[in-house]
C-alpha atoms as a PDB file:
ATOM      1  CA  MET A   1      41.194 -19.598 -11.712  1.00  0.00           C
ATOM      2  CA  THR A   2      37.772 -20.634 -12.503  1.00  0.00           C
ATOM      3  CA  GLN A   3      35.161 -21.710  -9.748  1.00  0.00           C
ATOM      4  CA  GLU A   4      33.048 -24.807 -10.529  1.00  0.00           C
ATOM      5  CA  ILE A   5      29.251 -23.950  -9.753  1.00  0.00           C
ATOM      6  CA  LEU A   6      27.811 -25.632  -7.092  1.00  0.00           C
ATOM      7  CA  TYR A   7      25.191 -28.120  -8.612  1.00  0.00           C
ATOM      8  CA  LYS A   8      25.275 -26.437 -11.425  1.00  0.00           C
ATOM      9  CA  GLN A   9      22.683 -28.767 -13.682  1.00  0.00           C
ATOM     10  CA  LEU A  10      20.870 -29.141 -10.466  1.00  0.00           C
ATOM     11  CA  SER A  11      20.427 -25.701 -10.088  1.00  0.00           C
ATOM     12  CA  PHE A  12      19.893 -25.122 -14.059  1.00  0.00           C
ATOM     13  CA  ASP A  13      17.112 -27.810 -14.225  1.00  0.00           C
ATOM     14  CA  LEU A  14      15.071 -26.086 -11.157  1.00  0.00           C
ATOM     15  CA  ILE A  15      15.243 -22.808 -12.722  1.00  0.00           C
ATOM     16  CA  GLY A  16      13.949 -24.371 -15.487  1.00  0.00           C
ATOM     17  CA  LEU A  17      10.729 -26.023 -13.769  1.00  0.00           C
ATOM     18  CA  CYS A  18      10.253 -22.864 -12.027  1.00  0.00           C
ATOM     19  CA  MET A  19      10.792 -20.875 -15.346  1.00  0.00           C
ATOM     20  CA  GLU A  20       7.795 -23.267 -16.682  1.00  0.00           C
ATOM     21  CA  VAL A  21       5.404 -22.622 -13.394  1.00  0.00           C
ATOM     22  CA  HIS A  22       5.826 -19.312 -14.074  1.00  0.00           C
ATOM     23  CA  ARG A  23       5.314 -18.843 -17.644  1.00  0.00           C
ATOM     24  CA  ILE A  24       1.950 -20.754 -17.268  1.00  0.00           C
ATOM     25  CA  LEU A  25       0.898 -19.198 -14.073  1.00  0.00           C
ATOM     26  CA  GLY A  26       1.924 -15.927 -14.349  1.00  0.00           C
ATOM     27  CA  LYS A  27       2.109 -13.896 -11.102  1.00  0.00           C
ATOM     28  CA  GLY A  28      -0.314 -12.868  -8.761  1.00  0.00           C
ATOM     29  CA  HIS A  29      -0.806 -16.339  -6.932  1.00  0.00           C
ATOM     30  CA  SER A  30      -0.299 -16.775  -3.384  1.00  0.00           C
ATOM     31  CA  GLU A  31       3.106 -18.640  -2.519  1.00  0.00           C
ATOM     32  CA  ILE A  32       1.001 -22.365  -2.388  1.00  0.00           C
ATOM     33  CA  VAL A  33      -0.227 -22.445  -5.837  1.00  0.00           C
ATOM     34  CA  TYR A  34       3.348 -22.036  -7.224  1.00  0.00           C
ATOM     35  CA  LYS A  35       4.280 -24.591  -4.591  1.00  0.00           C
ATOM     36  CA  ASP A  36       1.728 -26.736  -6.109  1.00  0.00           C
ATOM     37  CA  ALA A  37       2.500 -26.582  -9.328  1.00  0.00           C
ATOM     38  CA  LEU A  38       5.898 -26.921  -8.569  1.00  0.00           C
ATOM     39  CA  GLN A  39       5.385 -30.272  -6.851  1.00  0.00           C
ATOM     40  CA  TYR A  40       3.249 -31.645  -9.617  1.00  0.00           C
ATOM     41  CA  GLU A  41       6.584 -30.421 -12.332  1.00  0.00           C
ATOM     42  CA  LEU A  42       9.562 -32.252  -9.613  1.00  0.00           C
ATOM     43  CA  THR A  43       7.509 -35.097  -9.942  1.00  0.00           C
ATOM     44  CA  LYS A  44       7.021 -35.220 -13.629  1.00  0.00           C
ATOM     45  CA  ALA A  45      10.249 -34.635 -13.809  1.00  0.00           C
ATOM     46  CA  GLY A  46      11.672 -37.719 -11.966  1.00  0.00           C
ATOM     47  CA  VAL A  47      13.447 -35.029  -9.240  1.00  0.00           C
ATOM     48  CA  SER A  48      13.639 -36.510  -5.406  1.00  0.00           C
ATOM     49  CA  PHE A  49      12.760 -34.163  -3.676  1.00  0.00           C
ATOM     50  CA  SER A  50      11.116 -33.303   0.174  1.00  0.00           C
ATOM     51  CA  ARG A  51       8.199 -30.446   0.426  1.00  0.00           C
ATOM     52  CA  GLU A  52       8.021 -28.677   4.060  1.00  0.00           C
ATOM     53  CA  LYS A  53      10.911 -30.488   5.202  1.00  0.00           C
ATOM     54  CA  SER A  54      11.396 -29.265   8.960  1.00  0.00           C
ATOM     55  CA  TYR A  55      14.862 -28.805  10.649  1.00  0.00           C
ATOM     56  CA  GLU A  56      15.817 -28.052  14.966  1.00  0.00           C
ATOM     57  CA  VAL A  57      17.254 -25.485  15.907  1.00  0.00           C
ATOM     58  CA  HIS A  58      20.256 -25.571  17.988  1.00  0.00           C
ATOM     59  CA  TYR A  59      20.679 -23.321  21.079  1.00  0.00           C
ATOM     60  CA  LYS A  60      23.160 -23.982  23.147  1.00  0.00           C
ATOM     61  CA  ASP A  61      22.679 -27.055  24.768  1.00  0.00           C
ATOM     62  CA  ILE A  62      18.583 -27.630  23.807  1.00  0.00           C
ATOM     63  CA  VAL A  63      16.773 -27.829  20.667  1.00  0.00           C
ATOM     64  CA  LEU A  64      14.527 -24.613  20.537  1.00  0.00           C
ATOM     65  CA  PRO A  65      10.380 -26.245  20.251  1.00  0.00           C
ATOM     66  CA  HIS A  66       9.546 -24.211  16.708  1.00  0.00           C
ATOM     67  CA  LEU A  67      11.639 -25.422  14.220  1.00  0.00           C
ATOM     68  CA  PHE A  68      12.703 -24.509  10.697  1.00  0.00           C
ATOM     69  CA  PHE A  69      10.348 -25.338   7.532  1.00  0.00           C
ATOM     70  CA  ALA A  70      11.900 -25.707   4.087  1.00  0.00           C
ATOM     71  CA  ASP A  71      10.026 -25.403   0.995  1.00  0.00           C
ATOM     72  CA  PHE A  72      11.666 -28.113  -0.775  1.00  0.00           C
ATOM     73  CA  VAL A  73      14.802 -29.753  -0.509  1.00  0.00           C
ATOM     74  CA  VAL A  74      15.733 -31.436  -3.534  1.00  0.00           C
ATOM     75  CA  GLU A  75      17.928 -34.167  -3.212  1.00  0.00           C
ATOM     76  CA  ASP A  76      18.937 -33.795  -0.036  1.00  0.00           C
ATOM     77  CA  LYS A  77      21.436 -31.319  -2.153  1.00  0.00           C
ATOM     78  CA  ILE A  78      19.655 -27.748  -2.617  1.00  0.00           C
ATOM     79  CA  VAL A  79      16.514 -25.592  -0.140  1.00  0.00           C
ATOM     80  CA  LEU A  80      14.321 -24.378  -2.461  1.00  0.00           C
ATOM     81  CA  GLU A  81      13.078 -21.329  -1.319  1.00  0.00           C
ATOM     82  CA  ILE A  82       9.431 -19.912  -3.059  1.00  0.00           C
ATOM     83  CA  LYS A  83       7.981 -16.321  -2.520  1.00  0.00           C
ATOM     84  CA  ALA A  84       5.307 -14.720  -4.154  1.00  0.00           C
ATOM     85  CA  ILE A  85       6.099 -10.912  -3.055  1.00  0.00           C
ATOM     86  CA  GLU A  86       6.794  -7.383  -5.397  1.00  0.00           C
ATOM     87  CA  ARG A  87      10.411  -8.594  -4.937  1.00  0.00           C
ATOM     88  CA  LEU A  88      13.346 -10.333  -3.105  1.00  0.00           C
ATOM     89  CA  THR A  89      15.356  -8.491  -0.427  1.00  0.00           C
ATOM     90  CA  ASP A  90      18.609  -9.349   1.563  1.00  0.00           C
ATOM     91  CA  ALA A  91      15.948 -10.351   4.450  1.00  0.00           C
ATOM     92  CA  HIS A  92      14.858 -13.181   2.219  1.00  0.00           C
ATOM     93  CA  ALA A  93      18.699 -14.282   1.739  1.00  0.00           C
ATOM     94  CA  LYS A  94      19.105 -14.387   5.627  1.00  0.00           C
ATOM     95  CA  GLN A  95      16.123 -16.269   6.263  1.00  0.00           C
ATOM     96  CA  THR A  96      17.374 -18.751   3.102  1.00  0.00           C
ATOM     97  CA  LEU A  97      20.777 -18.891   5.335  1.00  0.00           C
ATOM     98  CA  ASN A  98      18.916 -19.543   8.228  1.00  0.00           C
ATOM     99  CA  TYR A  99      17.903 -22.706   6.355  1.00  0.00           C
ATOM    100  CA  LEU A 100      20.848 -23.648   5.292  1.00  0.00           C
ATOM    101  CA  ALA A 101      22.746 -23.690   8.201  1.00  0.00           C
ATOM    102  CA  ALA A 102      19.901 -25.407   9.792  1.00  0.00           C
ATOM    103  CA  SER A 103      20.118 -28.698   7.177  1.00  0.00           C
ATOM    104  CA  ARG A 104      23.658 -28.005   7.067  1.00  0.00           C
ATOM    105  CA  LEU A 105      23.033 -27.776   3.266  1.00  0.00           C
ATOM    106  CA  LYS A 106      25.621 -25.728   1.346  1.00  0.00           C
ATOM    107  CA  LEU A 107      22.994 -24.295  -1.601  1.00  0.00           C
ATOM    108  CA  GLY A 108      19.728 -22.476  -1.569  1.00  0.00           C
ATOM    109  CA  ILE A 109      17.729 -21.157  -4.326  1.00  0.00           C
ATOM    110  CA  LEU A 110      15.506 -18.578  -3.466  1.00  0.00           C
ATOM    111  CA  VAL A 111      12.876 -18.083  -6.079  1.00  0.00           C
ATOM    112  CA  ASN A 112      10.090 -15.390  -6.318  1.00  0.00           C
ATOM    113  CA  PHE A 113       7.036 -15.981  -8.678  1.00  0.00           C
ATOM    114  CA  GLY A 114       5.896 -12.225  -7.482  1.00  0.00           C
ATOM    115  CA  GLU A 115       6.969 -10.414 -10.216  1.00  0.00           C
ATOM    116  CA  ASN A 116       6.684 -10.261 -14.078  1.00  0.00           C
ATOM    117  CA  ASP A 117       9.343 -12.029 -14.666  1.00  0.00           C
ATOM    118  CA  LEU A 118      10.690 -14.878 -12.880  1.00  0.00           C
ATOM    119  CA  ARG A 119      13.625 -13.849 -10.296  1.00  0.00           C
ATOM    120  CA  GLN A 120      15.896 -15.891  -8.458  1.00  0.00           C
ATOM    121  CA  ARG A 121      18.909 -15.827  -6.357  1.00  0.00           C
ATOM    122  CA  ARG A 122      21.879 -18.354  -5.802  1.00  0.00           C
ATOM    123  CA  VAL A 123      22.188 -18.286  -2.078  1.00  0.00           C
ATOM    124  CA  LEU A 124      25.591 -20.020  -0.910  1.00  0.00           C
ATOM    125  CA  LEU A 125      26.741 -21.119   2.534  1.00  0.00           C
END
C-alpha cells in the first residue's frame, strides 16, 4: 500500500527555493539573512506565506503569556522552520513538532543552511 506524500508539490517547490538561496549565499550567514532571502524567493514565486507567525500556547484552562513564533507558514499548510547551524538534531525536530501542535498544521519542513549542502527534514504531526 503506497502512502501519498503530504503536500508533495508544495514541499518540492519550497525545497527548491531553499536550494536556490543556499546556492547563492552558501553557508556561514545568520538565520535572518536566509529568512530575508527566502522571503524574497517566496514573494517572487507568488507563494502565499506568513513570516514570524505567532501562536498561543494553551495550558489547562489558560493561555500562557509567551507565544510560539513559526519562521514561515506557507499557504496555511506547512510550517517552514529555518536554521543556520552546524547540524540538525532531534531537538530541532521536536521544536517543529511543537509549532505544528500549536498551529494545528500537519507538516513542518526543517531546513538547515549552515552545512556545506542544504539539509532538510520533513516533520509530520
